[in-house]
Amino acid sequence: TKQTAGAVLPDLDFAAEVSKVLKKAKLIVEGGIFEAREMERVSTINPYAVVVGSAITRPQVITARFNAALKLK
């Protein structure tokens, strides 16, 4: 959408703001979580759940990331 074009994921600032505004809601964070350090950062806002999706369910994405890392060296 126009509102999300160019968004950097995971958008932890947005998730933190939602957590503050909707104090009693169960926050589920989803989008762009591929690395353990991203999960650590997400955990600082204490979400109810985190969806990792493509990081574990799309072999072509996982393979492309490893391939790109090898090309950097």
PDB file of N, CA and C in Angstrom:
ATOM      1  N   THR A   1       0.838  -1.179   0.000  1.00  0.00           N
ATOM      2  CA  THR A   1       0.000   0.000   0.000  1.00  0.00           C
ATOM      3  C   THR A   1       0.886   1.247   0.000  1.00  0.00           C
ATOM      4  N   LYS A   2       0.285   2.396  -0.247  1.00  0.00           N
ATOM      5  CA  LYS A   2       1.039   3.652  -0.180  1.00  0.00           C
ATOM      6  C   LYS A   2       1.605   3.860   1.225  1.00  0.00           C
ATOM      7  N   GLN A   3       0.853   3.470   2.226  1.00  0.00           N
ATOM      8  CA  GLN A   3       1.274   3.694   3.608  1.00  0.00           C
ATOM      9  C   GLN A   3       2.455   2.818   4.017  1.00  0.00           C
ATOM     10  N   THR A   4       2.599   1.665   3.410  1.00  0.00           N
ATOM     11  CA  THR A   4       3.671   0.752   3.820  1.00  0.00           C
ATOM     12  C   THR A   4       4.802   0.648   2.813  1.00  0.00           C
ATOM     13  N   ALA A   5       4.698   1.331   1.688  1.00  0.00           N
ATOM     14  CA  ALA A   5       5.763   1.289   0.674  1.00  0.00           C
ATOM     15  C   ALA A   5       7.061   1.804   1.295  1.00  0.00           C
ATOM     16  N   GLY A   6       8.112   1.022   1.141  1.00  0.00           N
ATOM     17  CA  GLY A   6       9.409   1.412   1.672  1.00  0.00           C
ATOM     18  C   GLY A   6       9.599   1.166   3.156  1.00  0.00           C
ATOM     19  N   ALA A   7       8.630   0.542   3.793  1.00  0.00           N
ATOM     20  CA  ALA A   7       8.747   0.267   5.226  1.00  0.00           C
ATOM     21  C   ALA A   7       9.888  -0.714   5.479  1.00  0.00           C
ATOM     22  N   VAL A   8      10.625  -0.485   6.545  1.00  0.00           N
ATOM     23  CA  VAL A   8      11.705  -1.381   6.938  1.00  0.00           C
ATOM     24  C   VAL A   8      11.143  -2.343   7.984  1.00  0.00           C
ATOM     25  N   LEU A   9      11.298  -3.621   7.714  1.00  0.00           N
ATOM     26  CA  LEU A   9      10.782  -4.645   8.631  1.00  0.00           C
ATOM     27  C   LEU A   9      11.919  -5.327   9.361  1.00  0.00           C
ATOM     28  N   PRO A  10      11.705  -5.740  10.585  1.00  0.00           N
ATOM     29  CA  PRO A  10      10.502  -5.544  11.380  1.00  0.00           C
ATOM     30  C   PRO A  10      10.395  -4.096  11.865  1.00  0.00           C
ATOM     31  N   ASP A  11       9.202  -3.578  11.876  1.00  0.00           N
ATOM     32  CA  ASP A  11       8.952  -2.204  12.302  1.00  0.00           C
ATOM     33  C   ASP A  11       8.706  -2.200  13.812  1.00  0.00           C
ATOM     34  N   LEU A  12       9.792  -2.220  14.544  1.00  0.00           N
ATOM     35  CA  LEU A  12       9.689  -2.313  16.000  1.00  0.00           C
ATOM     36  C   LEU A  12       9.166  -1.041  16.638  1.00  0.00           C
ATOM     37  N   ASP A  13       9.431   0.091  16.022  1.00  0.00           N
ATOM     38  CA  ASP A  13       8.888   1.337  16.562  1.00  0.00           C
ATOM     39  C   ASP A  13       7.363   1.312  16.527  1.00  0.00           C
ATOM     40  N   PHE A  14       6.813   0.845  15.400  1.00  0.00           N
ATOM     41  CA  PHE A  14       5.362   0.742  15.275  1.00  0.00           C
ATOM     42  C   PHE A  14       4.804  -0.255  16.281  1.00  0.00           C
ATOM     43  N   ALA A  15       5.438  -1.411  16.384  1.00  0.00           N
ATOM     44  CA  ALA A  15       4.966  -2.438  17.321  1.00  0.00           C
ATOM     45  C   ALA A  15       5.000  -1.923  18.756  1.00  0.00           C
ATOM     46  N   ALA A  16       6.054  -1.196  19.116  1.00  0.00           N
ATOM     47  CA  ALA A  16       6.163  -0.647  20.468  1.00  0.00           C
ATOM     48  C   ALA A  16       5.057   0.376  20.725  1.00  0.00           C
ATOM     49  N   GLU A  17       4.767   1.208  19.722  1.00  0.00           N
ATOM     50  CA  GLU A  17       3.697   2.205  19.863  1.00  0.00           C
ATOM     51  C   GLU A  17       2.337   1.521  20.030  1.00  0.00           C
ATOM     52  N   VAL A  18       2.080   0.491  19.238  1.00  0.00           N
ATOM     53  CA  VAL A  18       0.827  -0.254  19.357  1.00  0.00           C
ATOM     54  C   VAL A  18       0.725  -0.868  20.746  1.00  0.00           C
ATOM     55  N   SER A  19       1.821  -1.413  21.238  1.00  0.00           N
ATOM     56  CA  SER A  19       1.835  -2.031  22.559  1.00  0.00           C
ATOM     57  C   SER A  19       1.476  -1.023  23.648  1.00  0.00           C
ATOM     58  N   LYS A  20       1.986   0.197  23.517  1.00  0.00           N
ATOM     59  CA  LYS A  20       1.689   1.241  24.510  1.00  0.00           C
ATOM     60  C   LYS A  20       0.234   1.684  24.450  1.00  0.00           C
ATOM     61  N   VAL A  21      -0.293   1.844  23.244  1.00  0.00           N
ATOM     62  CA  VAL A  21      -1.652   2.354  23.067  1.00  0.00           C
ATOM     63  C   VAL A  21      -2.695   1.298  23.452  1.00  0.00           C
ATOM     64  N   LEU A  22      -2.464   0.077  23.047  1.00  0.00           N
ATOM     65  CA  LEU A  22      -3.427  -1.006  23.302  1.00  0.00           C
ATOM     66  C   LEU A  22      -2.918  -1.896  24.427  1.00  0.00           C
ATOM     67  N   LYS A  23      -2.822  -1.357  25.598  1.00  0.00           N
ATOM     68  CA  LYS A  23      -2.175  -2.024  26.729  1.00  0.00           C
ATOM     69  C   LYS A  23      -2.722  -3.407  27.047  1.00  0.00           C
ATOM     70  N   LYS A  24      -4.019  -3.595  26.917  1.00  0.00           N
ATOM     71  CA  LYS A  24      -4.605  -4.879  27.296  1.00  0.00           C
ATOM     72  C   LYS A  24      -4.736  -5.849  26.122  1.00  0.00           C
ATOM     73  N   ALA A  25      -4.446  -5.384  24.906  1.00  0.00           N
ATOM     74  CA  ALA A  25      -4.559  -6.244  23.721  1.00  0.00           C
ATOM     75  C   ALA A  25      -3.360  -7.191  23.657  1.00  0.00           C
ATOM     76  N   LYS A  26      -3.571  -8.334  23.058  1.00  0.00           N
ATOM     77  CA  LYS A  26      -2.484  -9.286  22.844  1.00  0.00           C
ATOM     78  C   LYS A  26      -1.822  -8.950  21.505  1.00  0.00           C
ATOM     79  N   LEU A  27      -0.614  -8.430  21.575  1.00  0.00           N
ATOM     80  CA  LEU A  27       0.110  -7.999  20.388  1.00  0.00           C
ATOM     81  C   LEU A  27       0.835  -9.174  19.732  1.00  0.00           C
ATOM     82  N   ILE A  28       0.583  -9.369  18.455  1.00  0.00           N
ATOM     83  CA  ILE A  28       1.284 -10.378  17.666  1.00  0.00           C
ATOM     84  C   ILE A  28       2.121  -9.630  16.642  1.00  0.00           C
ATOM     85  N   VAL A  29       3.430  -9.811  16.707  1.00  0.00           N
ATOM     86  CA  VAL A  29       4.355  -9.120  15.801  1.00  0.00           C
ATOM     87  C   VAL A  29       4.663 -10.046  14.635  1.00  0.00           C
ATOM     88  N   GLU A  30       4.553  -9.503  13.422  1.00  0.00           N
ATOM     89  CA  GLU A  30       4.796 -10.307  12.220  1.00  0.00           C
ATOM     90  C   GLU A  30       5.467  -9.435  11.165  1.00  0.00           C
ATOM     91  N   GLY A  31       6.400 -10.021  10.460  1.00  0.00           N
ATOM     92  CA  GLY A  31       6.980  -9.346   9.303  1.00  0.00           C
ATOM     93  C   GLY A  31       8.451  -9.038   9.438  1.00  0.00           C
ATOM     94  N   GLY A  32       9.257  -9.647   8.600  1.00  0.00           N
ATOM     95  CA  GLY A  32      10.665  -9.312   8.502  1.00  0.00           C
ATOM     96  C   GLY A  32      11.552  -9.827   9.605  1.00  0.00           C
ATOM     97  N   ILE A  33      11.123 -10.835  10.323  1.00  0.00           N
ATOM     98  CA  ILE A  33      11.945 -11.379  11.407  1.00  0.00           C
ATOM     99  C   ILE A  33      12.662 -12.618  10.885  1.00  0.00           C
ATOM    100  N   PHE A  34      13.958 -12.453  10.598  1.00  0.00           N
ATOM    101  CA  PHE A  34      14.748 -13.530  10.014  1.00  0.00           C
ATOM    102  C   PHE A  34      15.902 -13.981  10.897  1.00  0.00           C
ATOM    103  N   GLU A  35      16.393 -13.121  11.749  1.00  0.00           N
ATOM    104  CA  GLU A  35      17.586 -13.397  12.539  1.00  0.00           C
ATOM    105  C   GLU A  35      17.264 -13.443  14.027  1.00  0.00           C
ATOM    106  N   ALA A  36      18.094 -14.162  14.767  1.00  0.00           N
ATOM    107  CA  ALA A  36      17.900 -14.258  16.216  1.00  0.00           C
ATOM    108  C   ALA A  36      17.958 -12.886  16.872  1.00  0.00           C
ATOM    109  N   ARG A  37      18.849 -12.013  16.417  1.00  0.00           N
ATOM    110  CA  ARG A  37      18.948 -10.683  17.037  1.00  0.00           C
ATOM    111  C   ARG A  37      17.674  -9.860  16.819  1.00  0.00           C
ATOM    112  N   GLU A  38      16.977 -10.091  15.698  1.00  0.00           N
ATOM    113  CA  GLU A  38      15.703  -9.410  15.487  1.00  0.00           C
ATOM    114  C   GLU A  38      14.666  -9.916  16.476  1.00  0.00           C
ATOM    115  N   MET A  39      14.683 -11.206  16.729  1.00  0.00           N
ATOM    116  CA  MET A  39      13.766 -11.780  17.720  1.00  0.00           C
ATOM    117  C   MET A  39      14.076 -11.219  19.108  1.00  0.00           C
ATOM    118  N   GLU A  40      15.356 -11.058  19.423  1.00  0.00           N
ATOM    119  CA  GLU A  40      15.739 -10.474  20.704  1.00  0.00           C
ATOM    120  C   GLU A  40      15.208  -9.045  20.832  1.00  0.00           C
ATOM    121  N   ARG A  41      15.326  -8.262  19.757  1.00  0.00           N
ATOM    122  CA  ARG A  41      14.831  -6.884  19.770  1.00  0.00           C
ATOM    123  C   ARG A  41      13.314  -6.857  19.921  1.00  0.00           C
ATOM    124  N   VAL A  42      12.630  -7.750  19.228  1.00  0.00           N
ATOM    125  CA  VAL A  42      11.168  -7.824  19.330  1.00  0.00           C
ATOM    126  C   VAL A  42      10.757  -8.182  20.761  1.00  0.00           C
ATOM    127  N   SER A  43      11.507  -9.050  21.393  1.00  0.00           N
ATOM    128  CA  SER A  43      11.137  -9.500  22.742  1.00  0.00           C
ATOM    129  C   SER A  43      11.171  -8.362  23.756  1.00  0.00           C
ATOM    130  N   THR A  44      11.879  -7.276  23.462  1.00  0.00           N
ATOM    131  CA  THR A  44      11.941  -6.161  24.411  1.00  0.00           C
ATOM    132  C   THR A  44      10.595  -5.460  24.574  1.00  0.00           C
ATOM    133  N   ILE A  45       9.697  -5.625  23.603  1.00  0.00           N
ATOM    134  CA  ILE A  45       8.370  -5.019  23.739  1.00  0.00           C
ATOM    135  C   ILE A  45       7.347  -6.019  24.275  1.00  0.00           C
ATOM    136  N   ASN A  46       7.808  -7.230  24.564  1.00  0.00           N
ATOM    137  CA  ASN A  46       6.994  -8.249  25.219  1.00  0.00           C
ATOM    138  C   ASN A  46       5.695  -8.572  24.479  1.00  0.00           C
ATOM    139  N   PRO A  47       5.786  -8.980  23.206  1.00  0.00           N
ATOM    140  CA  PRO A  47       4.557  -9.326  22.478  1.00  0.00           C
ATOM    141  C   PRO A  47       3.982 -10.650  22.978  1.00  0.00           C
ATOM    142  N   TYR A  48       2.730 -10.852  22.708  1.00  0.00           N
ATOM    143  CA  TYR A  48       2.063 -12.112  23.030  1.00  0.00           C
ATOM    144  C   TYR A  48       2.648 -13.250  22.183  1.00  0.00           C
ATOM    145  N   ALA A  49       2.924 -12.939  20.906  1.00  0.00           N
ATOM    146  CA  ALA A  49       3.476 -13.939  19.990  1.00  0.00           C
ATOM    147  C   ALA A  49       4.249 -13.237  18.881  1.00  0.00           C
ATOM    148  N   VAL A  50       5.130 -14.008  18.232  1.00  0.00           N
ATOM    149  CA  VAL A  50       5.906 -13.512  17.101  1.00  0.00           C
ATOM    150  C   VAL A  50       5.765 -14.527  15.969  1.00  0.00           C
ATOM    151  N   VAL A  51       5.463 -14.035  14.770  1.00  0.00           N
ATOM    152  CA  VAL A  51       5.345 -14.877  13.583  1.00  0.00           C
ATOM    153  C   VAL A  51       6.615 -14.720  12.772  1.00  0.00           C
ATOM    154  N   VAL A  52       7.325 -15.834  12.524  1.00  0.00           N
ATOM    155  CA  VAL A  52       8.566 -15.749  11.757  1.00  0.00           C
ATOM    156  C   VAL A  52       8.366 -16.112  10.296  1.00  0.00           C
ATOM    157  N   GLY A  53       7.313 -16.791   9.953  1.00  0.00           N
ATOM    158  CA  GLY A  53       6.934 -17.063   8.569  1.00  0.00           C
ATOM    159  C   GLY A  53       8.042 -17.523   7.648  1.00  0.00           C
ATOM    160  N   SER A  54       8.391 -16.662   6.678  1.00  0.00           N
ATOM    161  CA  SER A  54       9.342 -17.017   5.618  1.00  0.00           C
ATOM    162  C   SER A  54      10.700 -17.464   6.142  1.00  0.00           C
ATOM    163  N   ALA A  55      11.072 -17.009   7.307  1.00  0.00           N
ATOM    164  CA  ALA A  55      12.369 -17.372   7.867  1.00  0.00           C
ATOM    165  C   ALA A  55      12.513 -18.879   8.067  1.00  0.00           C
ATOM    166  N   ILE A  56      11.386 -19.576   8.207  1.00  0.00           N
ATOM    167  CA  ILE A  56      11.468 -21.027   8.411  1.00  0.00           C
ATOM    168  C   ILE A  56      10.621 -21.836   7.438  1.00  0.00           C
ATOM    169  N   THR A  57       9.754 -21.172   6.673  1.00  0.00           N
ATOM    170  CA  THR A  57       8.830 -21.939   5.831  1.00  0.00           C
ATOM    171  C   THR A  57       9.072 -21.801   4.336  1.00  0.00           C
ATOM    172  N   ARG A  58      10.021 -20.960   3.917  1.00  0.00           N
ATOM    173  CA  ARG A  58      10.248 -20.762   2.486  1.00  0.00           C
ATOM    174  C   ARG A  58      11.703 -21.068   2.143  1.00  0.00           C
ATOM    175  N   PRO A  59      11.985 -22.308   1.772  1.00  0.00           N
ATOM    176  CA  PRO A  59      13.365 -22.703   1.498  1.00  0.00           C
ATOM    177  C   PRO A  59      14.060 -21.826   0.464  1.00  0.00           C
ATOM    178  N   GLN A  60      13.326 -21.323  -0.518  1.00  0.00           N
ATOM    179  CA  GLN A  60      13.968 -20.494  -1.538  1.00  0.00           C
ATOM    180  C   GLN A  60      14.476 -19.181  -0.940  1.00  0.00           C
ATOM    181  N   VAL A  61      13.774 -18.637   0.040  1.00  0.00           N
ATOM    182  CA  VAL A  61      14.213 -17.407   0.707  1.00  0.00           C
ATOM    183  C   VAL A  61      15.438 -17.694   1.566  1.00  0.00           C
ATOM    184  N   ILE A  62      15.389 -18.785   2.303  1.00  0.00           N
ATOM    185  CA  ILE A  62      16.512 -19.167   3.161  1.00  0.00           C
ATOM    186  C   ILE A  62      17.760 -19.393   2.316  1.00  0.00           C
ATOM    187  N   THR A  63      17.631 -20.135   1.230  1.00  0.00           N
ATOM    188  CA  THR A  63      18.760 -20.429   0.350  1.00  0.00           C
ATOM    189  C   THR A  63      19.312 -19.154  -0.274  1.00  0.00           C
ATOM    190  N   ALA A  64      18.465 -18.261  -0.721  1.00  0.00           N
ATOM    191  CA  ALA A  64      18.913 -17.006  -1.328  1.00  0.00           C
ATOM    192  C   ALA A  64      19.695 -16.161  -0.334  1.00  0.00           C
ATOM    193  N   ARG A  65      19.273 -16.141   0.920  1.00  0.00           N
ATOM    194  CA  ARG A  65      19.993 -15.377   1.940  1.00  0.00           C
ATOM    195  C   ARG A  65      21.377 -15.944   2.178  1.00  0.00           C
ATOM    196  N   PHE A  66      21.495 -17.263   2.270  1.00  0.00           N
ATOM    197  CA  PHE A  66      22.802 -17.882   2.451  1.00  0.00           C
ATOM    198  C   PHE A  66      23.685 -17.641   1.231  1.00  0.00           C
ATOM    199  N   ASN A  67      23.117 -17.767   0.052  1.00  0.00           N
ATOM    200  CA  ASN A  67      23.858 -17.536  -1.182  1.00  0.00           C
ATOM    201  C   ASN A  67      24.390 -16.102  -1.248  1.00  0.00           C
ATOM    202  N   ALA A  68      23.553 -15.143  -0.888  1.00  0.00           N
ATOM    203  CA  ALA A  68      23.972 -13.738  -0.881  1.00  0.00           C
ATOM    204  C   ALA A  68      25.109 -13.505   0.116  1.00  0.00           C
ATOM    205  N   ALA A  69      25.025 -14.178   1.262  1.00  0.00           N
ATOM    206  CA  ALA A  69      26.081 -14.035   2.270  1.00  0.00           C
ATOM    207  C   ALA A  69      27.413 -14.581   1.747  1.00  0.00           C
ATOM    208  N   LEU A  70      27.369 -15.663   1.024  1.00  0.00           N
ATOM    209  CA  LEU A  70      28.588 -16.238   0.468  1.00  0.00           C
ATOM    210  C   LEU A  70      29.205 -15.324  -0.574  1.00  0.00           C
ATOM    211  N   LYS A  71      28.383 -14.640  -1.337  1.00  0.00           N
ATOM    212  CA  LYS A  71      28.880 -13.741  -2.385  1.00  0.00           C
ATOM    213  C   LYS A  71      29.537 -12.507  -1.814  1.00  0.00           C
ATOM    214  N   LEU A  72      29.230 -12.159  -0.570  1.00  0.00           N
ATOM    215  CA  LEU A  72      29.838 -11.002   0.080  1.00  0.00           C
ATOM    216  C   LEU A  72      31.286 -11.246   0.469  1.00  0.00           C
ATOM    217  N   LYS A  73      31.658 -12.493   0.589  1.00  0.00           N
ATOM    218  CA  LYS A  73      33.016 -12.822   1.063  1.00  0.00           C
ATOM    219  C   LYS A  73      33.991 -12.969  -0.072  1.00  0.00           C
TER     220      LYS A  73
END
